[in-house]
């Protein structure tokens, strides 16, 4: 292959798009598809994860890479002419615990490449529009920064009240017609909008059955997180920042990571007024708030003589609570949420049973005892005086937690089984949130 572009060759092109978007903040951009050429498609392939399972066509990334001259050229021609056809997403189910499963969508490698290219172009536009409190699946924005900023605000302001907003089945509830209308407010390039429409209508293939839902973002699609951010940017972010904030009597802080939203208020009356109007606002766009998980919590800095203290709330898998520091000061602490911890313990327990069965079979196969280190994967470091720290024979964790102890000989393979289980799951292409 010749003429493969370096990443630096692509960046100036994307910067030109970003500069144009900044110069035209309230206008729709009509000519963007011409930026998606063969070089950009090759760069999109370079950025695409190669270890994912194949889609409905059975084509792997390794197979696609064998001809990086002809394959991107063919894809580009079909994209430009409008003859590109979006194949359905292959759906599989992963165990979720307690006998439940989670559906996962696996697009074809060609779909991933084209979606990545479209995301690169649209990100250059929408990154100029998105609000700073939108953290999920954006370049240069990290979950840890969202948590750190939220904690700092709660500490500095003493907060008062925290509203947790839970959208029921958000990624499965996005209305296609509404999404197209929202996209067209900023992007009116016919080629790109038609291609996104094909992905929305492609549907899923499961057990030989092809279904085409009228709601929801493309399952497992590279473009799904961006489409979700565009949707909630218009539904919530702009509305809150431009219309709600100016009517509040006190300060407020928002943190949104995809469909996970918390709003901290200084005043209770502000929090209750916003909580009353939120269901109507989201309902206008076909979304429903969970009546039990959407809740308001008092979260003021406690006094030393206060009985019980304030409540707690969860965000991004962490429980936030007021507690005393080692020096005796009241601080906001962030700990693993109990439901996440219980799920992790159940997962380890399930893998323990699987590992025991596997170990018994291996013992028979290799003719060794169940606690013999000669079983495959039970290596020790020569001269190290025992098993390497962090090797499969040891499960690490906080003291007192599930998996914080040294495993007995009969269970030494749990760590390796967990790693194998995670490696197997990683072979599937998962779109984070469908995060949840």
Protein backbone atom coordinates (compact mmCIF):
# COMPACT_ATOMS: atom_id res chain seq x y z
CA UNK A 1 0.00 0.00 0.00
CA UNK A 2 1.28 3.46 -0.84
CA UNK A 3 0.39 6.95 0.26
CA UNK A 4 -0.97 6.03 3.68
CA UNK A 5 -1.51 9.33 5.52
CA UNK A 6 0.07 10.09 8.86
CA UNK A 7 -2.30 11.24 11.63
CA UNK A 8 -0.85 14.73 11.31
CA UNK A 9 -2.03 14.84 7.67
CA UNK A 10 -5.64 14.49 8.84
CA UNK A 11 -5.59 16.96 11.75
CA UNK A 12 -5.37 20.18 9.68
CA UNK A 13 -8.42 19.11 7.71
CA UNK A 14 -10.44 18.51 10.87
CA UNK A 15 -9.21 21.80 12.32
CA UNK A 16 -10.54 23.61 9.24
CA UNK A 17 -13.97 22.08 9.89
CA UNK A 18 -13.78 23.12 13.54
CA UNK A 19 -12.78 26.65 12.62
CA UNK A 20 -15.70 26.90 10.20
CA UNK A 21 -18.09 25.64 12.90
CA UNK A 22 -16.79 28.29 15.33
CA UNK A 23 -17.23 31.02 12.73
CA UNK A 24 -20.84 29.90 12.03
CA UNK A 25 -22.15 28.97 15.49
CA UNK A 26 -25.85 29.33 14.66
CA UNK A 27 -25.85 28.04 11.10
CA UNK A 28 -26.17 24.58 9.56
CA UNK A 29 -23.13 23.34 7.61
CA UNK A 30 -24.07 21.97 4.19
CA UNK A 31 -20.81 20.67 2.70
CA UNK A 32 -18.97 18.18 4.86
CA UNK A 33 -19.02 14.85 3.02
CA UNK A 34 -16.18 15.84 0.68
CA UNK A 35 -13.83 15.79 3.68
CA UNK A 36 -14.39 12.03 3.90
CA UNK A 37 -11.99 10.74 1.26
CA UNK A 38 -9.87 7.61 0.94
CA UNK A 39 -7.12 9.00 3.19
CA UNK A 40 -9.61 9.79 5.96
CA UNK A 41 -11.10 6.29 5.66
CA UNK A 42 -7.64 4.77 6.05
CA UNK A 43 -7.06 6.89 9.14
CA UNK A 44 -10.49 5.82 10.41
CA UNK A 45 -9.45 2.19 10.00
CA UNK A 46 -6.23 2.90 11.92
CA UNK A 47 -8.31 4.29 14.81
CA UNK A 48 -10.76 1.36 14.78
CA UNK A 49 -10.26 -1.40 17.32
CA UNK A 50 -9.04 -4.50 15.48
CA UNK A 51 -9.84 -7.20 18.06
CA UNK A 52 -13.62 -7.02 17.80
CA UNK A 53 -15.73 -9.96 16.68
CA UNK A 54 -16.93 -9.94 13.04
CA UNK A 55 -20.37 -8.69 12.08
CA UNK A 56 -23.02 -10.36 9.93
CA UNK A 57 -20.65 -10.62 6.96
CA UNK A 58 -18.04 -12.57 8.94
CA UNK A 59 -15.29 -10.22 7.80
CA UNK A 60 -12.48 -9.52 10.27
CA UNK A 61 -10.26 -6.45 10.63
CA UNK A 62 -7.24 -8.57 9.68
CA UNK A 63 -8.93 -9.61 6.46
CA UNK A 64 -9.90 -6.02 5.68
CA UNK A 65 -6.33 -4.84 6.30
CA UNK A 66 -4.95 -7.18 3.65
CA UNK A 67 -6.00 -4.72 0.96
CA UNK A 68 -5.98 -1.18 2.30
CA UNK A 69 -5.78 0.21 -1.21
CA UNK A 70 -8.90 -1.30 -2.75
CA UNK A 71 -11.16 -1.62 0.33
CA UNK A 72 -11.24 2.07 1.39
CA UNK A 73 -11.49 3.11 -2.28
CA UNK A 74 -14.53 0.88 -2.79
CA UNK A 75 -16.14 2.11 0.43
CA UNK A 76 -15.51 5.73 -0.53
CA UNK A 77 -17.09 5.30 -3.97
CA UNK A 78 -20.24 3.73 -2.53
CA UNK A 79 -20.46 6.37 0.23
CA UNK A 80 -20.09 9.24 -2.26
CA UNK A 81 -22.53 7.81 -4.84
CA UNK A 82 -25.17 6.88 -2.26
CA UNK A 83 -25.04 3.18 -3.11
CA UNK A 84 -23.63 2.22 0.29
CA UNK A 85 -25.99 -0.14 2.10
CA UNK A 86 -25.80 -0.39 5.88
CA UNK A 87 -25.96 -4.06 6.94
CA UNK A 88 -27.87 -5.09 10.07
CA UNK A 89 -25.98 -5.32 13.34
CA UNK A 90 -25.33 -8.83 14.67
CA UNK A 91 -26.81 -9.13 18.14
CA UNK A 92 -25.47 -11.47 20.81
CA UNK A 93 -26.30 -11.74 24.50
CA UNK A 94 -23.76 -11.65 27.32
CA UNK A 95 -24.56 -13.00 30.80
CA UNK A 96 -25.43 -10.21 33.21
CA UNK A 97 -25.89 -12.14 36.45
CA UNK A 98 -28.97 -13.65 38.12
CA UNK A 99 -29.83 -15.41 34.87
CA UNK A 100 -30.19 -12.14 32.94
CA UNK A 101 -28.37 -11.19 29.75
CA UNK A 102 -27.34 -7.94 28.09
CA UNK A 103 -27.80 -7.55 24.32
CA UNK A 104 -24.66 -6.44 22.49
CA UNK A 105 -24.54 -5.20 18.90
CA UNK A 106 -21.63 -6.11 16.63
CA UNK A 107 -21.39 -4.05 13.38
CA UNK A 108 -19.35 -5.12 10.37
CA UNK A 109 -15.77 -3.88 10.09
CA UNK A 110 -16.71 -1.72 7.09
CA UNK A 111 -19.53 -0.13 9.10
CA UNK A 112 -17.10 0.64 11.90
CA UNK A 113 -14.65 2.31 9.52
CA UNK A 114 -17.25 4.52 7.85
CA UNK A 115 -18.90 5.39 11.15
CA UNK A 116 -15.51 6.34 12.58
CA UNK A 117 -14.86 8.63 9.61
CA UNK A 118 -18.26 10.32 9.99
CA UNK A 119 -17.64 10.71 13.75
CA UNK A 120 -14.29 12.38 13.08
CA UNK A 121 -15.98 14.98 10.86
CA UNK A 122 -19.03 15.55 13.07
CA UNK A 123 -16.92 15.77 16.24
CA UNK A 124 -15.04 18.65 14.68
CA UNK A 125 -18.40 20.43 14.38
CA UNK A 126 -20.13 19.50 17.62
CA UNK A 127 -17.11 19.90 19.88
CA UNK A 128 -17.55 23.63 19.27
CA UNK A 129 -21.15 23.43 20.53
CA UNK A 130 -21.20 20.93 23.38
CA UNK A 131 -21.40 22.31 26.90
CA UNK A 132 -18.40 21.92 29.24
CA UNK A 133 -20.48 19.85 31.70
CA UNK A 134 -21.03 17.16 29.05
CA UNK A 135 -18.26 14.63 29.78
CA UNK A 136 -19.15 11.31 28.17
CA UNK A 137 -17.32 9.95 25.11
CA UNK A 138 -15.72 13.18 24.04
CA UNK A 139 -12.07 13.71 23.05
CA UNK A 140 -9.99 15.04 25.92
CA UNK A 141 -12.82 14.63 28.47
CA UNK A 142 -12.33 12.04 31.21
CA UNK A 143 -14.65 10.44 33.72
CA UNK A 144 -12.16 11.16 36.51
CA UNK A 145 -12.24 14.87 35.67
CA UNK A 146 -16.04 14.88 35.86
CA UNK A 147 -15.92 13.26 39.31
CA UNK A 148 -13.16 15.59 40.51
CA UNK A 149 -14.98 18.73 39.37
CA UNK A 150 -18.24 17.58 40.96
CA UNK A 151 -16.52 16.81 44.25
CA UNK A 152 -14.75 20.19 44.28
CA UNK A 153 -18.01 22.04 43.67
CA UNK A 154 -19.79 20.14 46.43
CA UNK A 155 -16.96 20.88 48.86
CA UNK A 156 -16.63 24.58 47.97
CA UNK A 157 -20.32 25.38 47.95
CA UNK A 158 -21.38 23.08 50.80
CA UNK A 159 -23.99 22.16 48.17
CA UNK A 160 -27.45 21.64 49.58
CA UNK A 161 -29.47 19.35 47.34
CA UNK A 162 -28.52 16.86 44.62
CA UNK A 163 -30.91 15.69 41.92
CA UNK A 164 -30.14 12.34 40.27
CA UNK A 165 -31.73 12.06 36.82
CA UNK A 166 -32.26 8.54 35.46
CA UNK A 167 -33.57 8.13 31.90
CA UNK A 168 -35.26 4.79 31.32
CA UNK A 169 -33.61 2.76 28.51
CA UNK A 170 -32.25 5.91 26.91
CA UNK A 171 -30.25 4.33 24.08
CA UNK A 172 -33.26 2.18 23.14
CA UNK A 173 -35.69 5.13 23.28
CA UNK A 174 -34.11 7.76 21.00
CA UNK A 175 -36.73 8.67 18.40
CA UNK A 176 -35.28 8.49 14.88
CA UNK A 177 -37.38 11.31 13.42
CA UNK A 178 -36.56 13.62 16.33
CA UNK A 179 -32.84 12.79 16.06
CA UNK A 180 -32.83 13.65 12.35
CA UNK A 181 -34.50 16.99 13.09
CA UNK A 182 -31.94 17.81 15.78
CA UNK A 183 -29.02 16.85 13.53
CA UNK A 184 -30.32 19.01 10.69
CA UNK A 185 -30.16 22.09 12.92
CA UNK A 186 -26.36 21.95 12.61
CA UNK A 187 -25.60 19.59 9.71
CA UNK A 188 -27.47 19.64 6.40
CA UNK A 189 -25.06 17.67 4.26
CA UNK A 190 -27.36 15.28 2.40
CA UNK A 191 -24.79 12.51 1.97
CA UNK A 192 -23.95 12.37 5.67
CA UNK A 193 -27.56 12.64 6.85
CA UNK A 194 -28.70 9.89 4.46
CA UNK A 195 -25.88 7.63 5.63
CA UNK A 196 -26.83 8.17 9.28
CA UNK A 197 -30.41 7.38 8.32
CA UNK A 198 -29.27 4.08 6.82
CA UNK A 199 -27.55 3.14 10.08
CA UNK A 200 -30.66 4.03 12.08
CA UNK A 201 -32.82 1.85 9.81
CA UNK A 202 -30.36 -1.05 9.47
CA UNK A 203 -31.83 -2.92 12.43
CA UNK A 204 -30.42 -6.01 14.11
CA UNK A 205 -29.94 -9.62 13.07
CA UNK A 206 -30.64 -12.14 15.82
CA UNK A 207 -31.26 -15.88 15.46
CA UNK A 208 -31.70 -15.41 11.73
CA UNK A 209 -34.41 -12.78 12.21
CA UNK A 210 -33.95 -9.23 10.88
CA UNK A 211 -35.74 -6.57 12.95
CA UNK A 212 -35.90 -2.84 12.25
CA UNK A 213 -36.82 -0.81 15.38
CA UNK A 214 -38.06 2.73 14.90
CA UNK A 215 -36.35 4.01 18.02
CA UNK A 216 -32.87 3.66 19.47
CA UNK A 217 -29.33 4.42 18.34
CA UNK A 218 -27.35 1.85 16.28
CA UNK A 219 -26.43 -0.94 18.68
CA UNK A 220 -22.70 -1.31 19.13
CA UNK A 221 -22.11 1.45 16.61
CA UNK A 222 -19.08 3.71 16.78
CA UNK A 223 -21.41 6.62 16.05
CA UNK A 224 -23.94 5.84 18.82
CA UNK A 225 -22.24 7.83 21.63
CA UNK A 226 -22.00 10.93 19.43
CA UNK A 227 -25.65 10.68 18.36
CA UNK A 228 -26.63 10.27 22.02
CA UNK A 229 -24.65 13.36 22.97
CA UNK A 230 -26.26 15.37 20.17
CA UNK A 231 -29.72 14.28 21.32
CA UNK A 232 -29.17 15.17 24.99
CA UNK A 233 -27.31 18.35 24.05
CA UNK A 234 -30.55 19.69 22.62
CA UNK A 235 -32.96 17.98 25.02
CA UNK A 236 -31.18 18.89 28.26
CA UNK A 237 -27.86 20.76 28.05
CA UNK A 238 -28.92 23.80 26.00
CA UNK A 239 -32.29 23.99 27.74
CA UNK A 240 -30.79 23.97 31.23
CA UNK A 241 -27.94 26.36 30.47
CA UNK A 242 -29.91 28.87 28.39
CA UNK A 243 -33.38 28.75 29.97
CA UNK A 244 -33.33 27.20 33.44
CA UNK A 245 -30.14 28.54 34.97
CA UNK A 246 -31.14 32.20 34.69
CA UNK A 247 -34.34 31.52 36.68
CA UNK A 248 -32.60 29.88 39.62
CA UNK A 249 -32.24 31.80 42.89
CA UNK A 250 -28.99 30.05 43.82
CA UNK A 251 -26.10 28.42 42.05
CA UNK A 252 -26.25 25.00 40.39
CA UNK A 253 -23.70 22.56 39.01
CA UNK A 254 -24.44 19.99 36.30
CA UNK A 255 -22.47 16.87 35.42
CA UNK A 256 -23.65 14.71 32.51
CA UNK A 257 -21.85 11.60 31.31
CA UNK A 258 -23.87 10.27 28.36
CA UNK A 259 -27.30 9.57 29.92
CA UNK A 260 -26.06 9.71 33.51
CA UNK A 261 -26.98 13.13 34.95
CA UNK A 262 -26.68 14.79 38.37
CA UNK A 263 -27.54 18.40 39.24
CA UNK A 264 -26.34 19.96 42.50
CA UNK A 265 -28.31 22.97 43.84
CA UNK A 266 -27.61 25.42 46.61
CA UNK A 267 -31.33 25.89 47.32
CA UNK A 268 -34.05 23.32 47.89
CA UNK A 269 -36.75 25.37 46.14
CA UNK A 270 -34.66 25.52 42.95
CA UNK A 271 -34.13 21.76 43.04
CA UNK A 272 -37.81 20.98 43.51
CA UNK A 273 -38.93 23.31 40.72
CA UNK A 274 -36.49 21.73 38.27
CA UNK A 275 -37.51 18.25 39.38
CA UNK A 276 -41.16 19.06 38.63
CA UNK A 277 -40.53 20.23 35.07
CA UNK A 278 -37.95 17.60 34.03
CA UNK A 279 -40.46 14.82 33.16
CA UNK A 280 -42.34 17.18 30.83
CA UNK A 281 -39.13 18.33 29.16
CA UNK A 282 -37.85 14.81 28.50
CA UNK A 283 -41.32 13.53 27.59
CA UNK A 284 -41.48 16.11 24.81
CA UNK A 285 -38.66 14.19 23.10
CA UNK A 286 -39.98 10.68 23.74
CA UNK A 287 -37.93 10.01 26.87
CA UNK A 288 -39.17 8.82 30.27
CA UNK A 289 -37.56 9.41 33.65
CA UNK A 290 -37.44 6.46 36.04
CA UNK A 291 -39.85 7.36 38.87
CA UNK A 292 -37.81 5.64 41.59
CA UNK A 293 -34.24 6.27 40.44
CA UNK A 294 -34.83 9.96 39.71
CA UNK A 295 -34.59 11.35 43.22
CA UNK A 296 -33.70 14.43 45.22
CA UNK A 297 -31.25 14.13 48.13
CA UNK A 298 -30.30 16.61 50.82
CA UNK A 299 -26.51 16.89 50.70
CA UNK A 300 -25.43 19.72 52.96
CA UNK A 301 -22.18 19.71 54.90
CA UNK A 302 -23.15 18.10 58.21
CA UNK A 303 -22.50 19.55 61.64
CA UNK A 304 -20.76 17.55 64.33
CA UNK A 305 -23.90 17.29 66.45
CA UNK A 306 -26.27 16.48 63.57
CA UNK A 307 -28.00 13.10 64.07
CA UNK A 308 -27.91 10.83 61.03
CA UNK A 309 -26.25 13.32 58.71
CA UNK A 310 -27.15 14.07 55.09
CA UNK A 311 -28.01 11.51 52.42
CA UNK A 312 -25.87 10.00 49.69
CA UNK A 313 -26.13 9.78 45.92
CA UNK A 314 -24.56 7.70 43.15
CA UNK A 315 -22.82 8.93 40.01
CA UNK A 316 -20.66 6.97 37.57
CA UNK A 317 -20.59 3.92 39.80
CA UNK A 318 -19.46 5.81 42.91
CA UNK A 319 -21.45 6.67 46.03
CA UNK A 320 -20.85 10.27 47.17
CA UNK A 321 -21.13 11.00 50.88
CA UNK A 322 -19.93 13.38 53.57
CA UNK A 323 -17.42 11.81 55.96
CA UNK A 324 -14.63 12.87 58.30
CA UNK A 325 -11.08 12.99 56.94
CA UNK A 326 -8.14 11.64 58.92
CA UNK A 327 -7.56 15.16 60.20
CA UNK A 328 -11.16 15.43 61.38
CA UNK A 329 -12.49 17.70 58.61
CA UNK A 330 -15.78 17.10 56.82
CA UNK A 331 -15.05 16.10 53.20
CA UNK A 332 -16.95 14.55 50.30
CA UNK A 333 -15.79 10.99 49.76
CA UNK A 334 -16.40 8.78 46.74
CA UNK A 335 -16.71 5.05 47.24
CA UNK A 336 -17.68 2.15 45.00
CA UNK A 337 -21.47 1.92 44.84
CA UNK A 338 -22.88 -1.08 46.69
CA UNK A 339 -24.74 -2.47 43.68
CA UNK A 340 -21.55 -2.41 41.59
CA UNK A 341 -19.64 -4.11 44.39
CA UNK A 342 -22.29 -6.82 44.77
CA UNK A 343 -22.30 -7.48 41.01
CA UNK A 344 -18.51 -7.82 41.05
CA UNK A 345 -18.70 -10.30 43.93
CA UNK A 346 -21.37 -12.34 42.15
CA UNK A 347 -19.25 -12.38 39.00
CA UNK A 348 -16.24 -13.65 40.94
CA UNK A 349 -18.42 -16.31 42.60
CA UNK A 350 -19.74 -17.49 39.23
CA UNK A 351 -16.24 -17.63 37.80
CA UNK A 352 -15.10 -19.56 40.89
CA UNK A 353 -17.55 -22.34 40.08
CA UNK A 354 -16.49 -22.35 36.43
CA UNK A 355 -12.81 -22.37 37.40
CA UNK A 356 -13.33 -25.30 39.77
CA UNK A 357 -14.95 -27.33 37.02
CA UNK A 358 -12.21 -26.37 34.57
CA UNK A 359 -9.46 -27.21 37.04
CA UNK A 360 -10.92 -30.64 37.73
CA UNK A 361 -10.99 -31.38 34.02
CA UNK A 362 -7.41 -30.21 33.56
CA UNK A 363 -6.26 -32.33 36.49
CA UNK A 364 -7.69 -35.41 34.82
CA UNK A 365 -6.27 -34.41 31.46
CA UNK A 366 -2.71 -33.79 32.70
CA UNK A 367 -2.69 -36.38 35.46
CA UNK A 368 -1.87 -34.04 38.34
CA UNK A 369 -3.53 -33.18 41.65
CA UNK A 370 -5.99 -30.30 41.91
CA UNK A 371 -3.58 -28.11 43.89
CA UNK A 372 -0.52 -28.85 41.72
CA UNK A 373 1.25 -25.81 40.28
CA UNK A 374 2.12 -27.84 37.19
CA UNK A 375 -1.29 -27.06 35.73
CA UNK A 376 -1.08 -24.67 32.74
CA UNK A 377 -0.77 -21.03 33.78
CA UNK A 378 0.39 -21.75 37.33
CA UNK A 379 3.94 -20.57 36.75
CA UNK A 380 6.10 -19.02 39.46
CA UNK A 381 9.00 -16.66 39.06
CA UNK A 382 12.31 -18.45 39.41
CA UNK A 383 14.17 -17.39 42.52
CA UNK A 384 11.30 -15.14 43.53
CA UNK A 385 10.28 -17.17 46.51
CA UNK A 386 6.67 -17.62 45.43
CA UNK A 387 4.03 -16.46 43.01
CA UNK A 388 4.44 -13.12 41.29
CA UNK A 389 2.30 -10.39 42.83
CA UNK A 390 -0.71 -9.82 40.64
CA UNK A 391 -0.30 -13.16 38.81
CA UNK A 392 -3.36 -15.34 38.20
CA UNK A 393 -2.84 -17.10 41.54
CA UNK A 394 -3.65 -13.97 43.52
CA UNK A 395 -6.79 -11.87 43.44
CA UNK A 396 -6.23 -8.26 44.46
CA UNK A 397 -8.71 -5.95 46.12
CA UNK A 398 -9.35 -3.78 49.14
CA UNK A 399 -8.92 -5.39 52.50
CA UNK A 400 -12.15 -6.91 53.65
CA UNK A 401 -13.67 -7.06 50.17
CA UNK A 402 -14.53 -10.04 48.05
CA UNK A 403 -11.27 -11.00 46.39
CA UNK A 404 -8.91 -9.33 48.82
CA UNK A 405 -7.62 -12.59 50.30
CA UNK A 406 -4.95 -14.99 49.13
CA UNK A 407 -6.69 -17.88 47.40
CA UNK A 408 -6.25 -21.42 48.71
CA UNK A 409 -4.66 -23.92 46.33
CA UNK A 410 -7.96 -25.30 45.08
CA UNK A 411 -9.04 -21.82 43.91
CA UNK A 412 -5.79 -20.39 42.56
CA UNK A 413 -7.08 -20.36 39.01
CA UNK A 414 -9.89 -17.87 39.70
CA UNK A 415 -7.71 -14.93 38.69
CA UNK A 416 -6.79 -16.56 35.39
CA UNK A 417 -10.42 -17.47 34.76
CA UNK A 418 -11.49 -13.89 35.40
CA UNK A 419 -8.84 -12.65 32.97
CA UNK A 420 -9.92 -15.19 30.36
CA UNK A 421 -13.56 -14.22 30.87
CA UNK A 422 -12.75 -10.51 30.41
CA UNK A 423 -10.58 -11.23 27.37
CA UNK A 424 -13.40 -13.19 25.80
CA UNK A 425 -15.88 -10.39 26.46
CA UNK A 426 -13.42 -7.86 25.03
CA UNK A 427 -13.62 -9.66 21.71
CA UNK A 428 -17.11 -8.25 21.33
CA UNK A 429 -17.56 -4.69 20.13
CA UNK A 430 -19.42 -2.89 22.91
CA UNK A 431 -20.66 0.65 22.60
CA UNK A 432 -20.25 2.09 26.06
CA UNK A 433 -23.29 2.92 27.31
CA UNK A 434 -25.12 1.29 25.60
CA UNK A 435 -23.38 1.88 28.73
CA UNK A 436 -25.50 0.03 30.77
